[in-house]
Structures are given as structure tokens and as C-alpha cells.
């Protein structure tokens, strides 16, 4: 079990992970500011949830990229930069918010892919 976890969590490039963790931390701080301003403050459950989402975000974003690549392939869209920026922002927010649910699938895929490369 320990080997499978190390295989899955260690399956992405360091450069990609650093970039995605920076994005995840920015989103976490943004949401924390919203909760502190309009909510009841940051409770322990909120902090734990935000932390887990931030840790798992790169793996959910990886899976989202794979699925989008399969669906759209090399299709080119001639849209304005604003529309593409909004779409990217929505995908990032979706991946961070749903990281608890999406990332396990991404981790399973990474583990599966690493296992197939060894054989």
C-alpha cells in the first residue's frame, strides 16, 4: 500500500507540481479571505478541507487536463482571450473545489500508468 501511494504521489514532474501548488495556494488564500470576510471565520474543519484540497489540487488538475485532451484533442478554438481566460479560471476553481473527489481518480491513473511502464 505504501509503495502504491509513493508511486502515485511521485508520478508527476516537480516543475508541474510546483506550478500547480502555487496556483492551489493562491486559490486557498482567496477562498480563506472570502470565508473570513463573509462567513463565520475559519474553523478547524474549513482549514482541514482547504488544506486537503490544496494538496490534492495538482492531481485533479492533471486528470482534468487528460480528460480535456481526450475530448478536444488538438482542436483549435478561435475565441477571444477573455473567454479562454474565464474558461481556464473556471476549470481551475472546479478542480480545486472538487479535488477531494477528482484527485483519487487522477492518482489511480498515475499509479496505473507507472505500473504499465515498468512491465
PDB file of N, CA and C in Angstrom:
ATOM      1  N   UNK A   1       0.823  -1.197   0.000  1.00  0.00           N
ATOM      2  CA  UNK A   1       0.000   0.000   0.000  1.00  0.00           C
ATOM      3  C   UNK A   1       0.867   1.261   0.000  1.00  0.00           C
ATOM      4  N   UNK A   2       1.928   1.236   0.847  1.00  0.00           N
ATOM      5  CA  UNK A   2       2.821   2.382   0.925  1.00  0.00           C
ATOM      6  C   UNK A   2       3.517   2.614  -0.419  1.00  0.00           C
ATOM      7  N   UNK A   3       3.893   1.525  -1.081  1.00  0.00           N
ATOM      8  CA  UNK A   3       4.557   1.617  -2.385  1.00  0.00           C
ATOM      9  C   UNK A   3       3.614   2.218  -3.432  1.00  0.00           C
ATOM     10  N   UNK A   4       2.347   1.828  -3.374  1.00  0.00           N
ATOM     11  CA  UNK A   4       1.366   2.358  -4.319  1.00  0.00           C
ATOM     12  C   UNK A   4       1.161   3.852  -4.109  1.00  0.00           C
ATOM     13  N   UNK A   5       1.110   4.307  -2.855  1.00  0.00           N
ATOM     14  CA  UNK A   5       0.941   5.736  -2.581  1.00  0.00           C
ATOM     15  C   UNK A   5       2.154   6.533  -3.060  1.00  0.00           C
ATOM     16  N   UNK A   6       3.352   6.034  -2.792  1.00  0.00           N
ATOM     17  CA  UNK A   6       4.543   6.736  -3.267  1.00  0.00           C
ATOM     18  C   UNK A   6       4.598   6.748  -4.787  1.00  0.00           C
ATOM     19  N   UNK A   7       4.158   5.677  -5.394  1.00  0.00           N
ATOM     20  CA  UNK A   7       4.137   5.598  -6.853  1.00  0.00           C
ATOM     21  C   UNK A   7       3.181   6.631  -7.440  1.00  0.00           C
ATOM     22  N   UNK A   8       2.002   6.747  -6.844  1.00  0.00           N
ATOM     23  CA  UNK A   8       1.000   7.676  -7.364  1.00  0.00           C
ATOM     24  C   UNK A   8       1.390   9.128  -7.089  1.00  0.00           C
ATOM     25  N   UNK A   9       1.751   9.442  -5.840  1.00  0.00           N
ATOM     26  CA  UNK A   9       2.065  10.824  -5.497  1.00  0.00           C
ATOM     27  C   UNK A   9       3.376  11.297  -6.115  1.00  0.00           C
ATOM     28  N   UNK A  10       4.262  10.387  -6.453  1.00  0.00           N
ATOM     29  CA  UNK A  10       5.524  10.763  -7.062  1.00  0.00           C
ATOM     30  C   UNK A  10       5.511  10.690  -8.574  1.00  0.00           C
ATOM     31  N   UNK A  11       4.341  10.568  -9.166  1.00  0.00           N
ATOM     32  CA  UNK A  11       4.244  10.341 -10.603  1.00  0.00           C
ATOM     33  C   UNK A  11       4.233  11.567 -11.479  1.00  0.00           C
ATOM     34  N   UNK A  12       4.229  12.753 -10.905  1.00  0.00           N
ATOM     35  CA  UNK A  12       4.211  13.973 -11.713  1.00  0.00           C
ATOM     36  C   UNK A  12       5.548  14.685 -11.612  1.00  0.00           C
ATOM     37  N   UNK A  13       5.869  15.454 -12.638  1.00  0.00           N
ATOM     38  CA  UNK A  13       7.126  16.186 -12.659  1.00  0.00           C
ATOM     39  C   UNK A  13       7.139  17.262 -11.584  1.00  0.00           C
ATOM     40  N   UNK A  14       8.304  17.513 -11.033  1.00  0.00           N
ATOM     41  CA  UNK A  14       8.457  18.504  -9.950  1.00  0.00           C
ATOM     42  C   UNK A  14       8.052  19.901 -10.415  1.00  0.00           C
ATOM     43  N   UNK A  15       8.437  20.261 -11.628  1.00  0.00           N
ATOM     44  CA  UNK A  15       8.106  21.590 -12.157  1.00  0.00           C
ATOM     45  C   UNK A  15       6.587  21.780 -12.236  1.00  0.00           C
ATOM     46  N   UNK A  16       5.894  20.753 -12.726  1.00  0.00           N
ATOM     47  CA  UNK A  16       4.438  20.798 -12.814  1.00  0.00           C
ATOM     48  C   UNK A  16       3.821  20.920 -11.418  1.00  0.00           C
ATOM     49  N   UNK A  17       4.330  20.130 -10.470  1.00  0.00           N
ATOM     50  CA  UNK A  17       3.797  20.164  -9.109  1.00  0.00           C
ATOM     51  C   UNK A  17       3.983  21.532  -8.464  1.00  0.00           C
ATOM     52  N   UNK A  18       5.165  22.121  -8.624  1.00  0.00           N
ATOM     53  CA  UNK A  18       5.414  23.433  -8.026  1.00  0.00           C
ATOM     54  C   UNK A  18       4.444  24.462  -8.590  1.00  0.00           C
ATOM     55  N   UNK A  19       4.278  24.466  -9.899  1.00  0.00           N
ATOM     56  CA  UNK A  19       3.356  25.415 -10.542  1.00  0.00           C
ATOM     57  C   UNK A  19       1.931  25.223 -10.033  1.00  0.00           C
ATOM     58  N   UNK A  20       1.480  23.980  -9.967  1.00  0.00           N
ATOM     59  CA  UNK A  20       0.117  23.704  -9.544  1.00  0.00           C
ATOM     60  C   UNK A  20      -0.086  23.994  -8.057  1.00  0.00           C
ATOM     61  N   UNK A  21       0.935  23.732  -7.235  1.00  0.00           N
ATOM     62  CA  UNK A  21       0.818  24.055  -5.810  1.00  0.00           C
ATOM     63  C   UNK A  21       0.745  25.555  -5.582  1.00  0.00           C
ATOM     64  N   UNK A  22       1.488  26.319  -6.361  1.00  0.00           N
ATOM     65  CA  UNK A  22       1.403  27.780  -6.243  1.00  0.00           C
ATOM     66  C   UNK A  22       0.002  28.250  -6.596  1.00  0.00           C
ATOM     67  N   UNK A  23      -0.550  27.731  -7.676  1.00  0.00           N
ATOM     68  CA  UNK A  23      -1.918  28.080  -8.068  1.00  0.00           C
ATOM     69  C   UNK A  23      -2.895  27.648  -6.982  1.00  0.00           C
ATOM     70  N   UNK A  24      -2.727  26.441  -6.443  1.00  0.00           N
ATOM     71  CA  UNK A  24      -3.604  25.942  -5.388  1.00  0.00           C
ATOM     72  C   UNK A  24      -3.549  26.792  -4.134  1.00  0.00           C
ATOM     73  N   UNK A  25      -2.361  27.249  -3.764  1.00  0.00           N
ATOM     74  CA  UNK A  25      -2.227  28.101  -2.584  1.00  0.00           C
ATOM     75  C   UNK A  25      -2.901  29.446  -2.809  1.00  0.00           C
ATOM     76  N   UNK A  26      -2.771  29.995  -4.008  1.00  0.00           N
ATOM     77  CA  UNK A  26      -3.435  31.269  -4.326  1.00  0.00           C
ATOM     78  C   UNK A  26      -4.951  31.111  -4.206  1.00  0.00           C
ATOM     79  N   UNK A  27      -5.490  30.027  -4.722  1.00  0.00           N
ATOM     80  CA  UNK A  27      -6.935  29.792  -4.628  1.00  0.00           C
ATOM     81  C   UNK A  27      -7.344  29.609  -3.172  1.00  0.00           C
ATOM     82  N   UNK A  28      -6.548  28.874  -2.407  1.00  0.00           N
ATOM     83  CA  UNK A  28      -6.832  28.645  -0.995  1.00  0.00           C
ATOM     84  C   UNK A  28      -6.879  29.968  -0.231  1.00  0.00           C
ATOM     85  N   UNK A  29      -5.911  30.838  -0.461  1.00  0.00           N
ATOM     86  CA  UNK A  29      -5.884  32.143   0.205  1.00  0.00           C
ATOM     87  C   UNK A  29      -7.091  32.977  -0.214  1.00  0.00           C
ATOM     88  N   UNK A  30      -7.431  32.920  -1.493  1.00  0.00           N
ATOM     89  CA  UNK A  30      -8.604  33.654  -1.991  1.00  0.00           C
ATOM     90  C   UNK A  30      -9.880  33.189  -1.279  1.00  0.00           C
ATOM     91  N   UNK A  31     -10.088  31.861  -1.226  1.00  0.00           N
ATOM     92  CA  UNK A  31     -11.271  31.329  -0.546  1.00  0.00           C
ATOM     93  C   UNK A  31     -11.245  31.633   0.946  1.00  0.00           C
ATOM     94  N   UNK A  32     -10.075  31.555   1.571  1.00  0.00           N
ATOM     95  CA  UNK A  32      -9.969  31.843   3.006  1.00  0.00           C
ATOM     96  C   UNK A  32     -10.343  33.293   3.292  1.00  0.00           C
ATOM     97  N   UNK A  33      -9.915  34.202   2.422  1.00  0.00           N
ATOM     98  CA  UNK A  33     -10.287  35.609   2.592  1.00  0.00           C
ATOM     99  C   UNK A  33     -11.793  35.801   2.464  1.00  0.00           C
ATOM    100  N   UNK A  34     -12.408  35.112   1.523  1.00  0.00           N
ATOM    101  CA  UNK A  34     -13.857  35.218   1.361  1.00  0.00           C
ATOM    102  C   UNK A  34     -14.572  34.687   2.601  1.00  0.00           C
ATOM    103  N   UNK A  35     -14.136  33.537   3.099  1.00  0.00           N
ATOM    104  CA  UNK A  35     -14.767  32.947   4.277  1.00  0.00           C
ATOM    105  C   UNK A  35     -14.586  33.848   5.494  1.00  0.00           C
ATOM    106  N   UNK A  36     -13.413  34.416   5.641  1.00  0.00           N
ATOM    107  CA  UNK A  36     -13.177  35.284   6.794  1.00  0.00           C
ATOM    108  C   UNK A  36     -13.974  36.583   6.703  1.00  0.00           C
ATOM    109  N   UNK A  37     -14.164  37.070   5.499  1.00  0.00           N
ATOM    110  CA  UNK A  37     -14.879  38.340   5.336  1.00  0.00           C
ATOM    111  C   UNK A  37     -16.393  38.173   5.446  1.00  0.00           C
ATOM    112  N   UNK A  38     -16.932  37.123   4.807  1.00  0.00           N
ATOM    113  CA  UNK A  38     -18.382  36.973   4.744  1.00  0.00           C
ATOM    114  C   UNK A  38     -18.918  35.827   5.595  1.00  0.00           C
ATOM    115  N   UNK A  39     -18.057  34.984   6.107  1.00  0.00           N
ATOM    116  CA  UNK A  39     -18.508  33.827   6.868  1.00  0.00           C
ATOM    117  C   UNK A  39     -18.320  34.022   8.347  1.00  0.00           C
ATOM    118  N   UNK A  40     -18.302  32.920   9.053  1.00  0.00           N
ATOM    119  CA  UNK A  40     -18.155  32.937  10.499  1.00  0.00           C
ATOM    120  C   UNK A  40     -16.692  32.857  10.934  1.00  0.00           C
ATOM    121  N   UNK A  41     -15.779  32.894  10.003  1.00  0.00           N
ATOM    122  CA  UNK A  41     -14.359  32.734  10.319  1.00  0.00           C
ATOM    123  C   UNK A  41     -13.898  31.347   9.909  1.00  0.00           C
ATOM    124  N   UNK A  42     -12.612  31.131  10.023  1.00  0.00           N
ATOM    125  CA  UNK A  42     -12.042  29.853   9.618  1.00  0.00           C
ATOM    126  C   UNK A  42     -12.087  28.875  10.790  1.00  0.00           C
ATOM    127  N   UNK A  43     -12.930  27.877  10.672  1.00  0.00           N
ATOM    128  CA  UNK A  43     -12.976  26.821  11.664  1.00  0.00           C
ATOM    129  C   UNK A  43     -11.964  25.744  11.315  1.00  0.00           C
ATOM    130  N   UNK A  44     -11.760  24.822  12.222  1.00  0.00           N
ATOM    131  CA  UNK A  44     -10.778  23.765  12.006  1.00  0.00           C
ATOM    132  C   UNK A  44     -11.166  22.886  10.822  1.00  0.00           C
ATOM    133  N   UNK A  45     -12.456  22.603  10.650  1.00  0.00           N
ATOM    134  CA  UNK A  45     -12.909  21.790   9.525  1.00  0.00           C
ATOM    135  C   UNK A  45     -12.652  22.494   8.193  1.00  0.00           C
ATOM    136  N   UNK A  46     -12.865  23.793   8.167  1.00  0.00           N
ATOM    137  CA  UNK A  46     -12.606  24.569   6.949  1.00  0.00           C
ATOM    138  C   UNK A  46     -11.118  24.565   6.616  1.00  0.00           C
ATOM    139  N   UNK A  47     -10.284  24.739   7.618  1.00  0.00           N
ATOM    140  CA  UNK A  47      -8.838  24.741   7.398  1.00  0.00           C
ATOM    141  C   UNK A  47      -8.371  23.380   6.888  1.00  0.00           C
ATOM    142  N   UNK A  48      -8.886  22.304   7.470  1.00  0.00           N
ATOM    143  CA  UNK A  48      -8.515  20.957   7.027  1.00  0.00           C
ATOM    144  C   UNK A  48      -8.973  20.722   5.587  1.00  0.00           C
ATOM    145  N   UNK A  49     -10.199  21.113   5.282  1.00  0.00           N
ATOM    146  CA  UNK A  49     -10.727  20.938   3.925  1.00  0.00           C
ATOM    147  C   UNK A  49      -9.915  21.737   2.911  1.00  0.00           C
ATOM    148  N   UNK A  50      -9.602  22.983   3.234  1.00  0.00           N
ATOM    149  CA  UNK A  50      -8.811  23.813   2.329  1.00  0.00           C
ATOM    150  C   UNK A  50      -7.421  23.211   2.140  1.00  0.00           C
ATOM    151  N   UNK A  51      -6.837  22.690   3.210  1.00  0.00           N
ATOM    152  CA  UNK A  51      -5.520  22.076   3.119  1.00  0.00           C
ATOM    153  C   UNK A  51      -5.524  20.833   2.239  1.00  0.00           C
ATOM    154  N   UNK A  52      -6.519  19.979   2.440  1.00  0.00           N
ATOM    155  CA  UNK A  52      -6.619  18.759   1.627  1.00  0.00           C
ATOM    156  C   UNK A  52      -6.840  19.107   0.163  1.00  0.00           C
ATOM    157  N   UNK A  53      -7.726  20.071  -0.101  1.00  0.00           N
ATOM    158  CA  UNK A  53      -7.966  20.484  -1.483  1.00  0.00           C
ATOM    159  C   UNK A  53      -6.693  21.035  -2.131  1.00  0.00           C
ATOM    160  N   UNK A  54      -5.920  21.795  -1.379  1.00  0.00           N
ATOM    161  CA  UNK A  54      -4.687  22.361  -1.921  1.00  0.00           C
ATOM    162  C   UNK A  54      -3.663  21.272  -2.206  1.00  0.00           C
ATOM    163  N   UNK A  55      -3.552  20.300  -1.313  1.00  0.00           N
ATOM    164  CA  UNK A  55      -2.598  19.199  -1.515  1.00  0.00           C
ATOM    165  C   UNK A  55      -2.991  18.333  -2.711  1.00  0.00           C
ATOM    166  N   UNK A  56      -4.284  18.088  -2.876  1.00  0.00           N
ATOM    167  CA  UNK A  56      -4.747  17.211  -3.956  1.00  0.00           C
ATOM    168  C   UNK A  56      -4.992  17.925  -5.279  1.00  0.00           C
ATOM    169  N   UNK A  57      -4.976  19.249  -5.269  1.00  0.00           N
ATOM    170  CA  UNK A  57      -5.292  20.020  -6.480  1.00  0.00           C
ATOM    171  C   UNK A  57      -4.458  19.639  -7.710  1.00  0.00           C
ATOM    172  N   UNK A  58      -3.127  19.486  -7.610  1.00  0.00           N
ATOM    173  CA  UNK A  58      -2.360  19.161  -8.824  1.00  0.00           C
ATOM    174  C   UNK A  58      -2.823  17.871  -9.499  1.00  0.00           C
ATOM    175  N   UNK A  59      -3.264  16.903  -8.716  1.00  0.00           N
ATOM    176  CA  UNK A  59      -3.676  15.617  -9.275  1.00  0.00           C
ATOM    177  C   UNK A  59      -5.062  15.715  -9.924  1.00  0.00           C
ATOM    178  N   UNK A  60      -5.928  16.550  -9.371  1.00  0.00           N
ATOM    179  CA  UNK A  60      -7.223  16.750 -10.029  1.00  0.00           C
ATOM    180  C   UNK A  60      -7.049  17.566 -11.310  1.00  0.00           C
ATOM    181  N   UNK A  61      -6.148  18.541 -11.285  1.00  0.00           N
ATOM    182  CA  UNK A  61      -5.885  19.336 -12.485  1.00  0.00           C
ATOM    183  C   UNK A  61      -5.243  18.470 -13.571  1.00  0.00           C
ATOM    184  N   UNK A  62      -4.392  17.540 -13.174  1.00  0.00           N
ATOM    185  CA  UNK A  62      -3.768  16.621 -14.124  1.00  0.00           C
ATOM    186  C   UNK A  62      -4.829  15.762 -14.813  1.00  0.00           C
ATOM    187  N   UNK A  63      -5.742  15.215 -14.023  1.00  0.00           N
ATOM    188  CA  UNK A  63      -6.804  14.390 -14.605  1.00  0.00           C
ATOM    189  C   UNK A  63      -7.705  15.221 -15.509  1.00  0.00           C
ATOM    190  N   UNK A  64      -8.015  16.441 -15.080  1.00  0.00           N
ATOM    191  CA  UNK A  64      -8.837  17.327 -15.906  1.00  0.00           C
ATOM    192  C   UNK A  64      -8.148  17.585 -17.246  1.00  0.00           C
ATOM    193  N   UNK A  65      -6.847  17.809 -17.218  1.00  0.00           N
ATOM    194  CA  UNK A  65      -6.090  18.027 -18.455  1.00  0.00           C
ATOM    195  C   UNK A  65      -6.106  16.810 -19.362  1.00  0.00           C
ATOM    196  N   UNK A  66      -6.003  15.621 -18.770  1.00  0.00           N
ATOM    197  CA  UNK A  66      -6.066  14.391 -19.568  1.00  0.00           C
ATOM    198  C   UNK A  66      -7.434  14.228 -20.235  1.00  0.00           C
ATOM    199  N   UNK A  67      -8.476  14.434 -19.457  1.00  0.00           N
ATOM    200  CA  UNK A  67      -9.835  14.281 -19.994  1.00  0.00           C
ATOM    201  C   UNK A  67     -10.099  15.328 -21.070  1.00  0.00           C
ATOM    202  N   UNK A  68      -9.709  16.565 -20.812  1.00  0.00           N
ATOM    203  CA  UNK A  68      -9.901  17.622 -21.817  1.00  0.00           C
ATOM    204  C   UNK A  68      -9.106  17.303 -23.081  1.00  0.00           C
ATOM    205  N   UNK A  69      -7.907  16.762 -22.918  1.00  0.00           N
ATOM    206  CA  UNK A  69      -7.107  16.377 -24.074  1.00  0.00           C
ATOM    207  C   UNK A  69      -7.750  15.267 -24.882  1.00  0.00           C
ATOM    208  N   UNK A  70      -8.374  14.320 -24.184  1.00  0.00           N
ATOM    209  CA  UNK A  70      -9.065  13.229 -24.889  1.00  0.00           C
ATOM    210  C   UNK A  70     -10.306  13.736 -25.612  1.00  0.00           C
ATOM    211  N   UNK A  71     -11.034  14.640 -24.970  1.00  0.00           N
ATOM    212  CA  UNK A  71     -12.278  15.142 -25.555  1.00  0.00           C
ATOM    213  C   UNK A  71     -11.995  16.078 -26.729  1.00  0.00           C
ATOM    214  N   UNK A  72     -11.076  17.028 -26.520  1.00  0.00           N
ATOM    215  CA  UNK A  72     -10.848  18.048 -27.538  1.00  0.00           C
ATOM    216  C   UNK A  72      -9.692  17.726 -28.470  1.00  0.00           C
ATOM    217  N   UNK A  73      -8.778  16.877 -28.049  1.00  0.00           N
ATOM    218  CA  UNK A  73      -7.642  16.525 -28.889  1.00  0.00           C
ATOM    219  C   UNK A  73      -6.838  17.746 -29.255  1.00  0.00           C
ATOM    220  N   UNK A  74      -6.522  17.876 -30.517  1.00  0.00           N
ATOM    221  CA  UNK A  74      -5.748  19.036 -30.960  1.00  0.00           C
ATOM    222  C   UNK A  74      -6.652  20.075 -31.629  1.00  0.00           C
ATOM    223  N   UNK A  75      -7.907  20.088 -31.241  1.00  0.00           N
ATOM    224  CA  UNK A  75      -8.852  21.051 -31.788  1.00  0.00           C
ATOM    225  C   UNK A  75      -8.435  22.458 -31.388  1.00  0.00           C
ATOM    226  N   UNK A  76      -8.506  23.347 -32.327  1.00  0.00           N
ATOM    227  CA  UNK A  76      -8.150  24.736 -32.062  1.00  0.00           C
ATOM    228  C   UNK A  76      -9.421  25.567 -32.035  1.00  0.00           C
ATOM    229  N   UNK A  77      -9.543  26.387 -30.993  1.00  0.00           N
ATOM    230  CA  UNK A  77     -10.701  27.256 -30.857  1.00  0.00           C
ATOM    231  C   UNK A  77     -10.283  28.686 -31.132  1.00  0.00           C
ATOM    232  N   UNK A  78     -11.032  29.348 -31.976  1.00  0.00           N
ATOM    233  CA  UNK A  78     -10.774  30.754 -32.252  1.00  0.00           C
ATOM    234  C   UNK A  78     -11.738  31.589 -31.422  1.00  0.00           C
ATOM    235  N   UNK A  79     -11.357  31.779 -30.171  1.00  0.00           N
ATOM    236  CA  UNK A  79     -12.170  32.555 -29.240  1.00  0.00           C
ATOM    237  C   UNK A  79     -11.335  33.708 -28.712  1.00  0.00           C
ATOM    238  N   UNK A  80     -11.998  34.649 -28.108  1.00  0.00           N
ATOM    239  CA  UNK A  80     -11.256  35.777 -27.547  1.00  0.00           C
ATOM    240  C   UNK A  80     -10.470  35.332 -26.317  1.00  0.00           C
ATOM    241  N   UNK A  81      -9.468  36.080 -25.997  1.00  0.00           N
ATOM    242  CA  UNK A  81      -8.625  35.776 -24.842  1.00  0.00           C
ATOM    243  C   UNK A  81      -9.422  35.819 -23.552  1.00  0.00           C
ATOM    244  N   UNK A  82     -10.379  36.714 -23.480  1.00  0.00           N
ATOM    245  CA  UNK A  82     -11.199  36.846 -22.272  1.00  0.00           C
ATOM    246  C   UNK A  82     -12.007  35.572 -22.043  1.00  0.00           C
ATOM    247  N   UNK A  83     -12.601  35.042 -23.083  1.00  0.00           N
ATOM    248  CA  UNK A  83     -13.403  33.821 -22.968  1.00  0.00           C
ATOM    249  C   UNK A  83     -12.520  32.651 -22.533  1.00  0.00           C
ATOM    250  N   UNK A  84     -11.336  32.522 -23.131  1.00  0.00           N
ATOM    251  CA  UNK A  84     -10.426  31.441 -22.766  1.00  0.00           C
ATOM    252  C   UNK A  84      -9.912  31.599 -21.342  1.00  0.00           C
ATOM    253  N   UNK A  85      -9.651  32.820 -20.927  1.00  0.00           N
ATOM    254  CA  UNK A  85      -9.201  33.078 -19.566  1.00  0.00           C
ATOM    255  C   UNK A  85     -10.282  32.716 -18.552  1.00  0.00           C
ATOM    256  N   UNK A  86     -11.514  33.073 -18.849  1.00  0.00           N
ATOM    257  CA  UNK A  86     -12.627  32.729 -17.962  1.00  0.00           C
ATOM    258  C   UNK A  86     -12.816  31.216 -17.902  1.00  0.00           C
ATOM    259  N   UNK A  87     -12.721  30.544 -19.040  1.00  0.00           N
ATOM    260  CA  UNK A  87     -12.855  29.086 -19.063  1.00  0.00           C
ATOM    261  C   UNK A  87     -11.746  28.428 -18.251  1.00  0.00           C
ATOM    262  N   UNK A  88     -10.525  28.913 -18.382  1.00  0.00           N
ATOM    263  CA  UNK A  88      -9.399  28.359 -17.618  1.00  0.00           C
ATOM    264  C   UNK A  88      -9.586  28.609 -16.128  1.00  0.00           C
ATOM    265  N   UNK A  89     -10.012  29.801 -15.772  1.00  0.00           N
ATOM    266  CA  UNK A  89     -10.252  30.132 -14.370  1.00  0.00           C
ATOM    267  C   UNK A  89     -11.337  29.246 -13.771  1.00  0.00           C
ATOM    268  N   UNK A  90     -12.404  29.026 -14.517  1.00  0.00           N
ATOM    269  CA  UNK A  90     -13.474  28.143 -14.041  1.00  0.00           C
ATOM    270  C   UNK A  90     -12.988  26.707 -13.874  1.00  0.00           C
ATOM    271  N   UNK A  91     -12.143  26.241 -14.794  1.00  0.00           N
ATOM    272  CA  UNK A  91     -11.617  24.880 -14.672  1.00  0.00           C
ATOM    273  C   UNK A  91     -10.705  24.751 -13.462  1.00  0.00           C
ATOM    274  N   UNK A  92      -9.909  25.771 -13.189  1.00  0.00           N
ATOM    275  CA  UNK A  92      -9.023  25.754 -12.020  1.00  0.00           C
ATOM    276  C   UNK A  92      -9.849  25.744 -10.735  1.00  0.00           C
ATOM    277  N   UNK A  93     -10.854  26.587 -10.664  1.00  0.00           N
ATOM    278  CA  UNK A  93     -11.709  26.637  -9.472  1.00  0.00           C
ATOM    279  C   UNK A  93     -12.455  25.318  -9.291  1.00  0.00           C
ATOM    280  N   UNK A  94     -12.958  24.751 -10.370  1.00  0.00           N
ATOM    281  CA  UNK A  94     -13.645  23.461 -10.306  1.00  0.00           C
ATOM    282  C   UNK A  94     -12.711  22.372  -9.800  1.00  0.00           C
ATOM    283  N   UNK A  95     -11.498  22.336 -10.319  1.00  0.00           N
ATOM    284  CA  UNK A  95     -10.534  21.311  -9.905  1.00  0.00           C
ATOM    285  C   UNK A  95     -10.117  21.477  -8.454  1.00  0.00           C
ATOM    286  N   UNK A  96      -9.945  22.712  -7.989  1.00  0.00           N
ATOM    287  CA  UNK A  96      -9.560  22.910  -6.589  1.00  0.00           C
ATOM    288  C   UNK A  96     -10.715  22.564  -5.661  1.00  0.00           C
ATOM    289  N   UNK A  97     -11.916  23.035  -6.010  1.00  0.00           N
ATOM    290  CA  UNK A  97     -13.077  22.797  -5.170  1.00  0.00           C
ATOM    291  C   UNK A  97     -13.427  21.312  -5.096  1.00  0.00           C
ATOM    292  N   UNK A  98     -13.293  20.610  -6.198  1.00  0.00           N
ATOM    293  CA  UNK A  98     -13.637  19.191  -6.229  1.00  0.00           C
ATOM    294  C   UNK A  98     -12.449  18.260  -6.123  1.00  0.00           C
ATOM    295  N   UNK A  99     -11.309  18.779  -5.651  1.00  0.00           N
ATOM    296  CA  UNK A  99     -10.085  17.978  -5.601  1.00  0.00           C
ATOM    297  C   UNK A  99     -10.252  16.709  -4.772  1.00  0.00           C
ATOM    298  N   UNK A 100     -11.025  16.774  -3.712  1.00  0.00           N
ATOM    299  CA  UNK A 100     -11.230  15.593  -2.859  1.00  0.00           C
ATOM    300  C   UNK A 100     -11.881  14.460  -3.651  1.00  0.00           C
ATOM    301  N   UNK A 101     -12.703  14.808  -4.614  1.00  0.00           N
ATOM    302  CA  UNK A 101     -13.419  13.800  -5.390  1.00  0.00           C
ATOM    303  C   UNK A 101     -12.708  13.441  -6.695  1.00  0.00           C
ATOM    304  N   UNK A 102     -12.023  14.401  -7.302  1.00  0.00           N
ATOM    305  CA  UNK A 102     -11.387  14.197  -8.603  1.00  0.00           C
ATOM    306  C   UNK A 102      -9.997  13.584  -8.475  1.00  0.00           C
ATOM    307  N   UNK A 103      -9.222  14.044  -7.498  1.00  0.00           N
ATOM    308  CA  UNK A 103      -7.822  13.632  -7.365  1.00  0.00           C
ATOM    309  C   UNK A 103      -7.624  12.129  -7.173  1.00  0.00           C
ATOM    310  N   UNK A 104      -8.475  11.424  -6.414  1.00  0.00           N
ATOM    311  CA  UNK A 104      -8.249   9.977  -6.299  1.00  0.00           C
ATOM    312  C   UNK A 104      -8.252   9.263  -7.652  1.00  0.00           C
ATOM    313  N   UNK A 105      -9.061   9.736  -8.573  1.00  0.00           N
ATOM    314  CA  UNK A 105      -9.068   9.151  -9.916  1.00  0.00           C
ATOM    315  C   UNK A 105      -7.762   9.468 -10.641  1.00  0.00           C
ATOM    316  N   UNK A 106      -7.278  10.692 -10.475  1.00  0.00           N
ATOM    317  CA  UNK A 106      -6.000  11.072 -11.081  1.00  0.00           C
ATOM    318  C   UNK A 106      -4.843  10.277 -10.488  1.00  0.00           C
ATOM    319  N   UNK A 107      -4.847  10.088  -9.170  1.00  0.00           N
ATOM    320  CA  UNK A 107      -3.805   9.302  -8.516  1.00  0.00           C
ATOM    321  C   UNK A 107      -3.857   7.848  -8.966  1.00  0.00           C
ATOM    322  N   UNK A 108      -5.058   7.305  -9.107  1.00  0.00           N
ATOM    323  CA  UNK A 108      -5.195   5.924  -9.580  1.00  0.00           C
ATOM    324  C   UNK A 108      -4.658   5.791 -11.003  1.00  0.00           C
ATOM    325  N   UNK A 109      -4.930   6.776 -11.848  1.00  0.00           N
ATOM    326  CA  UNK A 109      -4.421   6.728 -13.210  1.00  0.00           C
ATOM    327  C   UNK A 109      -2.892   6.803 -13.232  1.00  0.00           C
ATOM    328  N   UNK A 110      -2.321   7.694 -12.425  1.00  0.00           N
ATOM    329  CA  UNK A 110      -0.852   7.812 -12.375  1.00  0.00           C
ATOM    330  C   UNK A 110      -0.241   6.502 -11.910  1.00  0.00           C
ATOM    331  N   UNK A 111      -0.824   5.890 -10.887  1.00  0.00           N
ATOM    332  CA  UNK A 111      -0.321   4.611 -10.385  1.00  0.00           C
ATOM    333  C   UNK A 111      -0.431   3.531 -11.473  1.00  0.00           C
ATOM    334  N   UNK A 112      -1.553   3.501 -12.172  1.00  0.00           N
ATOM    335  CA  UNK A 112      -1.764   2.536 -13.256  1.00  0.00           C
ATOM    336  C   UNK A 112      -0.743   2.750 -14.364  1.00  0.00           C
ATOM    337  N   UNK A 113      -0.530   3.997 -14.756  1.00  0.00           N
ATOM    338  CA  UNK A 113       0.408   4.335 -15.829  1.00  0.00           C
ATOM    339  C   UNK A 113       1.845   3.949 -15.464  1.00  0.00           C
ATOM    340  N   UNK A 114       2.236   4.214 -14.225  1.00  0.00           N
ATOM    341  CA  UNK A 114       3.591   3.857 -13.783  1.00  0.00           C
ATOM    342  C   UNK A 114       3.761   2.340 -13.759  1.00  0.00           C
ATOM    343  N   UNK A 115       2.721   1.618 -13.378  1.00  0.00           N
ATOM    344  CA  UNK A 115       2.785   0.165 -13.350  1.00  0.00           C
ATOM    345  C   UNK A 115       2.925  -0.415 -14.750  1.00  0.00           C
ATOM    346  N   UNK A 116       2.263   0.190 -15.719  1.00  0.00           N
ATOM    347  CA  UNK A 116       2.346  -0.295 -17.105  1.00  0.00           C
ATOM    348  C   UNK A 116       3.709   0.027 -17.714  1.00  0.00           C
ATOM    349  N   UNK A 117       4.327   1.136 -17.316  1.00  0.00           N
ATOM    350  CA  UNK A 117       5.642   1.479 -17.854  1.00  0.00           C
ATOM    351  C   UNK A 117       6.702   0.495 -17.382  1.00  0.00           C
ATOM    352  N   UNK A 118       6.534  -0.035 -16.171  1.00  0.00           N
ATOM    353  CA  UNK A 118       7.515  -0.974 -15.643  1.00  0.00           C
ATOM    354  C   UNK A 118       7.452  -2.319 -16.354  1.00  0.00           C
ATOM    355  N   UNK A 119       6.263  -2.707 -16.805  1.00  0.00           N
ATOM    356  CA  UNK A 119       6.088  -4.025 -17.462  1.00  0.00           C
ATOM    357  C   UNK A 119       6.462  -4.009 -18.891  1.00  0.00           C
TER     358      UNK A 119
END
